[in-house]
Amino acid sequence: MMFEEEEKRPAATAFRPAALADWSEEALRDYIAALRTEIGRAEAAIAARGAQRAAAEAFFRKPGA
């Protein structure tokens, strides 16, 4: 199942920076806000996976180890 998830995710190189030269200041601020939102979502996903891993490790840890 883990391999299926990895196949579905986009490659890290999938992000392509936008050409910003012709954007207005307001559009640039909106773009920054959208990127910050996405960064927050990615960080939350990383934290959730870390919490799941820690819970699994605690569950399967041998007593006295």
PDB file of N, CA and C in Angstrom:
ATOM      1  N   MET A   1       0.820  -1.189   0.000  1.00  0.00           N
ATOM      2  CA  MET A   1       0.000   0.000   0.000  1.00  0.00           C
ATOM      3  C   MET A   1       0.865   1.255   0.000  1.00  0.00           C
ATOM      4  N   MET A   2       1.946   1.224   0.719  1.00  0.00           N
ATOM      5  CA  MET A   2       2.817   2.397   0.771  1.00  0.00           C
ATOM      6  C   MET A   2       3.395   2.717  -0.604  1.00  0.00           C
ATOM      7  N   PHE A   3       3.696   1.660  -1.380  1.00  0.00           N
ATOM      8  CA  PHE A   3       4.252   1.892  -2.704  1.00  0.00           C
ATOM      9  C   PHE A   3       3.227   2.570  -3.605  1.00  0.00           C
ATOM     10  N   GLU A   4       1.946   2.215  -3.442  1.00  0.00           N
ATOM     11  CA  GLU A   4       0.908   2.846  -4.250  1.00  0.00           C
ATOM     12  C   GLU A   4       0.837   4.340  -3.953  1.00  0.00           C
ATOM     13  N   GLU A   5       0.937   4.715  -2.675  1.00  0.00           N
ATOM     14  CA  GLU A   5       0.904   6.126  -2.312  1.00  0.00           C
ATOM     15  C   GLU A   5       2.081   6.874  -2.916  1.00  0.00           C
ATOM     16  N   GLU A   6       3.252   6.255  -2.890  1.00  0.00           N
ATOM     17  CA  GLU A   6       4.441   6.908  -3.435  1.00  0.00           C
ATOM     18  C   GLU A   6       4.316   7.112  -4.938  1.00  0.00           C
ATOM     19  N   GLU A   7       3.651   6.183  -5.621  1.00  0.00           N
ATOM     20  CA  GLU A   7       3.482   6.318  -7.059  1.00  0.00           C
ATOM     21  C   GLU A   7       2.526   7.452  -7.397  1.00  0.00           C
ATOM     22  N   LYS A   8       1.557   7.735  -6.526  1.00  0.00           N
ATOM     23  CA  LYS A   8       0.558   8.757  -6.786  1.00  0.00           C
ATOM     24  C   LYS A   8       1.066  10.166  -6.518  1.00  0.00           C
ATOM     25  N   ARG A   9       2.061  10.300  -5.663  1.00  0.00           N
ATOM     26  CA  ARG A   9       2.528  11.638  -5.308  1.00  0.00           C
ATOM     27  C   ARG A   9       3.330  12.242  -6.457  1.00  0.00           C
ATOM     28  N   PRO A  10       3.226  13.546  -6.620  1.00  0.00           N
ATOM     29  CA  PRO A  10       4.013  14.189  -7.679  1.00  0.00           C
ATOM     30  C   PRO A  10       5.487  14.234  -7.275  1.00  0.00           C
ATOM     31  N   ALA A  11       6.308  14.252  -8.249  1.00  0.00           N
ATOM     32  CA  ALA A  11       7.742  14.354  -7.989  1.00  0.00           C
ATOM     33  C   ALA A  11       8.049  15.708  -7.366  1.00  0.00           C
ATOM     34  N   ALA A  12       9.088  15.754  -6.561  1.00  0.00           N
ATOM     35  CA  ALA A  12       9.473  17.015  -5.916  1.00  0.00           C
ATOM     36  C   ALA A  12       9.784  18.091  -6.948  1.00  0.00           C
ATOM     37  N   THR A  13      10.151  17.686  -8.123  1.00  0.00           N
ATOM     38  CA  THR A  13      10.475  18.653  -9.171  1.00  0.00           C
ATOM     39  C   THR A  13       9.234  19.112  -9.921  1.00  0.00           C
ATOM     40  N   ALA A  14       8.038  18.673  -9.508  1.00  0.00           N
ATOM     41  CA  ALA A  14       6.809  19.048 -10.201  1.00  0.00           C
ATOM     42  C   ALA A  14       6.499  20.527 -10.032  1.00  0.00           C
ATOM     43  N   PHE A  15       6.993  21.148  -8.949  1.00  0.00           N
ATOM     44  CA  PHE A  15       6.742  22.571  -8.740  1.00  0.00           C
ATOM     45  C   PHE A  15       7.536  23.387  -9.743  1.00  0.00           C
ATOM     46  N   ARG A  16       6.841  24.290 -10.378  1.00  0.00           N
ATOM     47  CA  ARG A  16       7.504  25.183 -11.325  1.00  0.00           C
ATOM     48  C   ARG A  16       7.234  26.618 -10.904  1.00  0.00           C
ATOM     49  N   PRO A  17       8.251  27.356 -10.568  1.00  0.00           N
ATOM     50  CA  PRO A  17       8.051  28.740 -10.158  1.00  0.00           C
ATOM     51  C   PRO A  17       7.361  29.547 -11.261  1.00  0.00           C
ATOM     52  N   ALA A  18       6.473  30.414 -10.855  1.00  0.00           N
ATOM     53  CA  ALA A  18       5.754  31.259 -11.811  1.00  0.00           C
ATOM     54  C   ALA A  18       6.647  32.393 -12.293  1.00  0.00           C
ATOM     55  N   ALA A  19       6.365  32.861 -13.483  1.00  0.00           N
ATOM     56  CA  ALA A  19       7.048  34.042 -14.013  1.00  0.00           C
ATOM     57  C   ALA A  19       6.380  35.251 -13.361  1.00  0.00           C
ATOM     58  N   LEU A  20       7.094  35.935 -12.500  1.00  0.00           N
ATOM     59  CA  LEU A  20       6.509  36.979 -11.663  1.00  0.00           C
ATOM     60  C   LEU A  20       6.682  38.396 -12.193  1.00  0.00           C
ATOM     61  N   ALA A  21       7.418  38.567 -13.238  1.00  0.00           N
ATOM     62  CA  ALA A  21       7.781  39.900 -13.714  1.00  0.00           C
ATOM     63  C   ALA A  21       6.572  40.781 -14.018  1.00  0.00           C
ATOM     64  N   ASP A  22       5.524  40.215 -14.552  1.00  0.00           N
ATOM     65  CA  ASP A  22       4.375  41.017 -14.978  1.00  0.00           C
ATOM     66  C   ASP A  22       3.245  41.053 -13.950  1.00  0.00           C
ATOM     67  N   TRP A  23       3.452  40.486 -12.783  1.00  0.00           N
ATOM     68  CA  TRP A  23       2.395  40.424 -11.772  1.00  0.00           C
ATOM     69  C   TRP A  23       2.317  41.735 -11.000  1.00  0.00           C
ATOM     70  N   SER A  24       1.119  42.079 -10.600  1.00  0.00           N
ATOM     71  CA  SER A  24       0.938  43.265  -9.768  1.00  0.00           C
ATOM     72  C   SER A  24       1.377  42.933  -8.342  1.00  0.00           C
ATOM     73  N   GLU A  25       1.562  43.986  -7.553  1.00  0.00           N
ATOM     74  CA  GLU A  25       1.957  43.781  -6.154  1.00  0.00           C
ATOM     75  C   GLU A  25       0.878  42.987  -5.412  1.00  0.00           C
ATOM     76  N   GLU A  26      -0.383  43.296  -5.672  1.00  0.00           N
ATOM     77  CA  GLU A  26      -1.483  42.585  -5.012  1.00  0.00           C
ATOM     78  C   GLU A  26      -1.476  41.103  -5.400  1.00  0.00           C
ATOM     79  N   ALA A  27      -1.262  40.827  -6.676  1.00  0.00           N
ATOM     80  CA  ALA A  27      -1.214  39.435  -7.133  1.00  0.00           C
ATOM     81  C   ALA A  27      -0.044  38.695  -6.493  1.00  0.00           C
ATOM     82  N   LEU A  28       1.089  39.367  -6.345  1.00  0.00           N
ATOM     83  CA  LEU A  28       2.246  38.756  -5.705  1.00  0.00           C
ATOM     84  C   LEU A  28       1.957  38.439  -4.238  1.00  0.00           C
ATOM     85  N   ARG A  29       1.289  39.360  -3.545  1.00  0.00           N
ATOM     86  CA  ARG A  29       0.939  39.108  -2.139  1.00  0.00           C
ATOM     87  C   ARG A  29      -0.035  37.937  -2.016  1.00  0.00           C
ATOM     88  N   ASP A  30      -0.994  37.848  -2.931  1.00  0.00           N
ATOM     89  CA  ASP A  30      -1.936  36.730  -2.939  1.00  0.00           C
ATOM     90  C   ASP A  30      -1.212  35.412  -3.209  1.00  0.00           C
ATOM     91  N   TYR A  31      -0.264  35.454  -4.110  1.00  0.00           N
ATOM     92  CA  TYR A  31       0.526  34.266  -4.445  1.00  0.00           C
ATOM     93  C   TYR A  31       1.335  33.796  -3.234  1.00  0.00           C
ATOM     94  N   ILE A  32       1.951  34.736  -2.530  1.00  0.00           N
ATOM     95  CA  ILE A  32       2.715  34.408  -1.321  1.00  0.00           C
ATOM     96  C   ILE A  32       1.794  33.787  -0.279  1.00  0.00           C
ATOM     97  N   ALA A  33       0.604  34.355  -0.107  1.00  0.00           N
ATOM     98  CA  ALA A  33      -0.351  33.815   0.864  1.00  0.00           C
ATOM     99  C   ALA A  33      -0.749  32.386   0.494  1.00  0.00           C
ATOM    100  N   ALA A  34      -0.983  32.142  -0.778  1.00  0.00           N
ATOM    101  CA  ALA A  34      -1.347  30.797  -1.224  1.00  0.00           C
ATOM    102  C   ALA A  34      -0.201  29.812  -0.995  1.00  0.00           C
ATOM    103  N   LEU A  35       1.022  30.242  -1.269  1.00  0.00           N
ATOM    104  CA  LEU A  35       2.179  29.377  -1.039  1.00  0.00           C
ATOM    105  C   LEU A  35       2.353  29.069   0.447  1.00  0.00           C
ATOM    106  N   ARG A  36       2.160  30.072   1.300  1.00  0.00           N
ATOM    107  CA  ARG A  36       2.266  29.846   2.748  1.00  0.00           C
ATOM    108  C   ARG A  36       1.215  28.846   3.221  1.00  0.00           C
ATOM    109  N   THR A  37       0.021  28.933   2.653  1.00  0.00           N
ATOM    110  CA  THR A  37      -1.043  27.980   2.987  1.00  0.00           C
ATOM    111  C   THR A  37      -0.622  26.564   2.593  1.00  0.00           C
ATOM    112  N   GLU A  38      -0.079  26.423   1.411  1.00  0.00           N
ATOM    113  CA  GLU A  38       0.374  25.106   0.954  1.00  0.00           C
ATOM    114  C   GLU A  38       1.510  24.569   1.814  1.00  0.00           C
ATOM    115  N   ILE A  39       2.433  25.440   2.202  1.00  0.00           N
ATOM    116  CA  ILE A  39       3.529  25.034   3.082  1.00  0.00           C
ATOM    117  C   ILE A  39       2.962  24.541   4.406  1.00  0.00           C
ATOM    118  N   GLY A  40       1.978  25.237   4.941  1.00  0.00           N
ATOM    119  CA  GLY A  40       1.339  24.823   6.180  1.00  0.00           C
ATOM    120  C   GLY A  40       0.679  23.468   6.049  1.00  0.00           C
ATOM    121  N   ARG A  41       0.015  23.237   4.930  1.00  0.00           N
ATOM    122  CA  ARG A  41      -0.614  21.920   4.697  1.00  0.00           C
ATOM    123  C   ARG A  41       0.437  20.825   4.619  1.00  0.00           C
ATOM    124  N   ALA A  42       1.534  21.091   3.951  1.00  0.00           N
ATOM    125  CA  ALA A  42       2.603  20.096   3.833  1.00  0.00           C
ATOM    126  C   ALA A  42       3.230  19.816   5.192  1.00  0.00           C
ATOM    127  N   GLU A  43       3.461  20.865   5.979  1.00  0.00           N
ATOM    128  CA  GLU A  43       4.039  20.679   7.310  1.00  0.00           C
ATOM    129  C   GLU A  43       3.095  19.903   8.220  1.00  0.00           C
ATOM    130  N   ALA A  44       1.788  20.153   8.104  1.00  0.00           N
ATOM    131  CA  ALA A  44       0.804  19.410   8.903  1.00  0.00           C
ATOM    132  C   ALA A  44       0.792  17.937   8.500  1.00  0.00           C
ATOM    133  N   ALA A  45       0.916  17.657   7.215  1.00  0.00           N
ATOM    134  CA  ALA A  45       0.952  16.270   6.748  1.00  0.00           C
ATOM    135  C   ALA A  45       2.198  15.562   7.268  1.00  0.00           C
ATOM    136  N   ILE A  46       3.317  16.255   7.279  1.00  0.00           N
ATOM    137  CA  ILE A  46       4.558  15.682   7.807  1.00  0.00           C
ATOM    138  C   ILE A  46       4.403  15.394   9.293  1.00  0.00           C
ATOM    139  N   ALA A  47       3.836  16.330  10.040  1.00  0.00           N
ATOM    140  CA  ALA A  47       3.643  16.142  11.481  1.00  0.00           C
ATOM    141  C   ALA A  47       2.709  14.973  11.757  1.00  0.00           C
ATOM    142  N   ALA A  48       1.648  14.848  10.976  1.00  0.00           N
ATOM    143  CA  ALA A  48       0.701  13.745  11.165  1.00  0.00           C
ATOM    144  C   ALA A  48       1.381  12.399  10.913  1.00  0.00           C
ATOM    145  N   ARG A  49       2.193  12.330   9.884  1.00  0.00           N
ATOM    146  CA  ARG A  49       2.903  11.078   9.606  1.00  0.00           C
ATOM    147  C   ARG A  49       3.888  10.752  10.726  1.00  0.00           C
ATOM    148  N   GLY A  50       4.542  11.769  11.244  1.00  0.00           N
ATOM    149  CA  GLY A  50       5.463  11.556  12.357  1.00  0.00           C
ATOM    150  C   GLY A  50       4.735  11.051  13.587  1.00  0.00           C
ATOM    151  N   ALA A  51       3.557  11.607  13.857  1.00  0.00           N
ATOM    152  CA  ALA A  51       2.767  11.173  15.007  1.00  0.00           C
ATOM    153  C   ALA A  51       2.289   9.743  14.816  1.00  0.00           C
ATOM    154  N   GLN A  52       1.888   9.395  13.618  1.00  0.00           N
ATOM    155  CA  GLN A  52       1.454   8.019  13.337  1.00  0.00           C
ATOM    156  C   GLN A  52       2.615   7.051  13.524  1.00  0.00           C
ATOM    157  N   ARG A  53       3.765   7.425  13.024  1.00  0.00           N
ATOM    158  CA  ARG A  53       4.940   6.563  13.157  1.00  0.00           C
ATOM    159  C   ARG A  53       5.298   6.376  14.632  1.00  0.00           C
ATOM    160  N   ALA A  54       5.279   7.460  15.400  1.00  0.00           N
ATOM    161  CA  ALA A  54       5.612   7.379  16.819  1.00  0.00           C
ATOM    162  C   ALA A  54       4.613   6.498  17.562  1.00  0.00           C
ATOM    163  N   ALA A  55       3.335   6.623  17.218  1.00  0.00           N
ATOM    164  CA  ALA A  55       2.317   5.787  17.859  1.00  0.00           C
ATOM    165  C   ALA A  55       2.519   4.324  17.518  1.00  0.00           C
ATOM    166  N   ALA A  56       2.837   4.038  16.270  1.00  0.00           N
ATOM    167  CA  ALA A  56       3.071   2.654  15.866  1.00  0.00           C
ATOM    168  C   ALA A  56       4.305   2.094  16.556  1.00  0.00           C
ATOM    169  N   GLU A  57       5.361   2.886  16.629  1.00  0.00           N
ATOM    170  CA  GLU A  57       6.578   2.418  17.298  1.00  0.00           C
ATOM    171  C   GLU A  57       6.325   2.163  18.778  1.00  0.00           C
ATOM    172  N   ALA A  58       5.537   3.010  19.415  1.00  0.00           N
ATOM    173  CA  ALA A  58       5.213   2.816  20.827  1.00  0.00           C
ATOM    174  C   ALA A  58       4.364   1.572  21.017  1.00  0.00           C
ATOM    175  N   PHE A  59       3.445   1.316  20.117  1.00  0.00           N
ATOM    176  CA  PHE A  59       2.567   0.156  20.211  1.00  0.00           C
ATOM    177  C   PHE A  59       3.352  -1.147  20.049  1.00  0.00           C
ATOM    178  N   PHE A  60       4.277  -1.164  19.122  1.00  0.00           N
ATOM    179  CA  PHE A  60       5.012  -2.390  18.820  1.00  0.00           C
ATOM    180  C   PHE A  60       6.312  -2.533  19.602  1.00  0.00           C
ATOM    181  N   ARG A  61       6.642  -1.551  20.427  1.00  0.00           N
ATOM    182  CA  ARG A  61       7.868  -1.620  21.223  1.00  0.00           C
ATOM    183  C   ARG A  61       7.752  -2.763  22.226  1.00  0.00           C
ATOM    184  N   LYS A  62       8.831  -3.509  22.359  1.00  0.00           N
ATOM    185  CA  LYS A  62       8.832  -4.625  23.284  1.00  0.00           C
ATOM    186  C   LYS A  62       8.888  -4.085  24.715  1.00  0.00           C
ATOM    187  N   PRO A  63       8.130  -4.702  25.618  1.00  0.00           N
ATOM    188  CA  PRO A  63       8.183  -4.275  27.031  1.00  0.00           C
ATOM    189  C   PRO A  63       9.585  -4.475  27.583  1.00  0.00           C
ATOM    190  N   GLY A  64      10.064  -3.495  28.316  1.00  0.00           N
ATOM    191  CA  GLY A  64      11.385  -3.582  28.929  1.00  0.00           C
ATOM    192  C   GLY A  64      12.532  -3.251  28.006  1.00  0.00           C
ATOM    193  N   ALA A  65      12.214  -2.880  26.784  1.00  0.00           N
ATOM    194  CA  ALA A  65      13.297  -2.564  25.834  1.00  0.00           C
ATOM    195  C   ALA A  65      13.628  -1.108  25.857  1.00  0.00           C
TER     196      ALA A  65
END
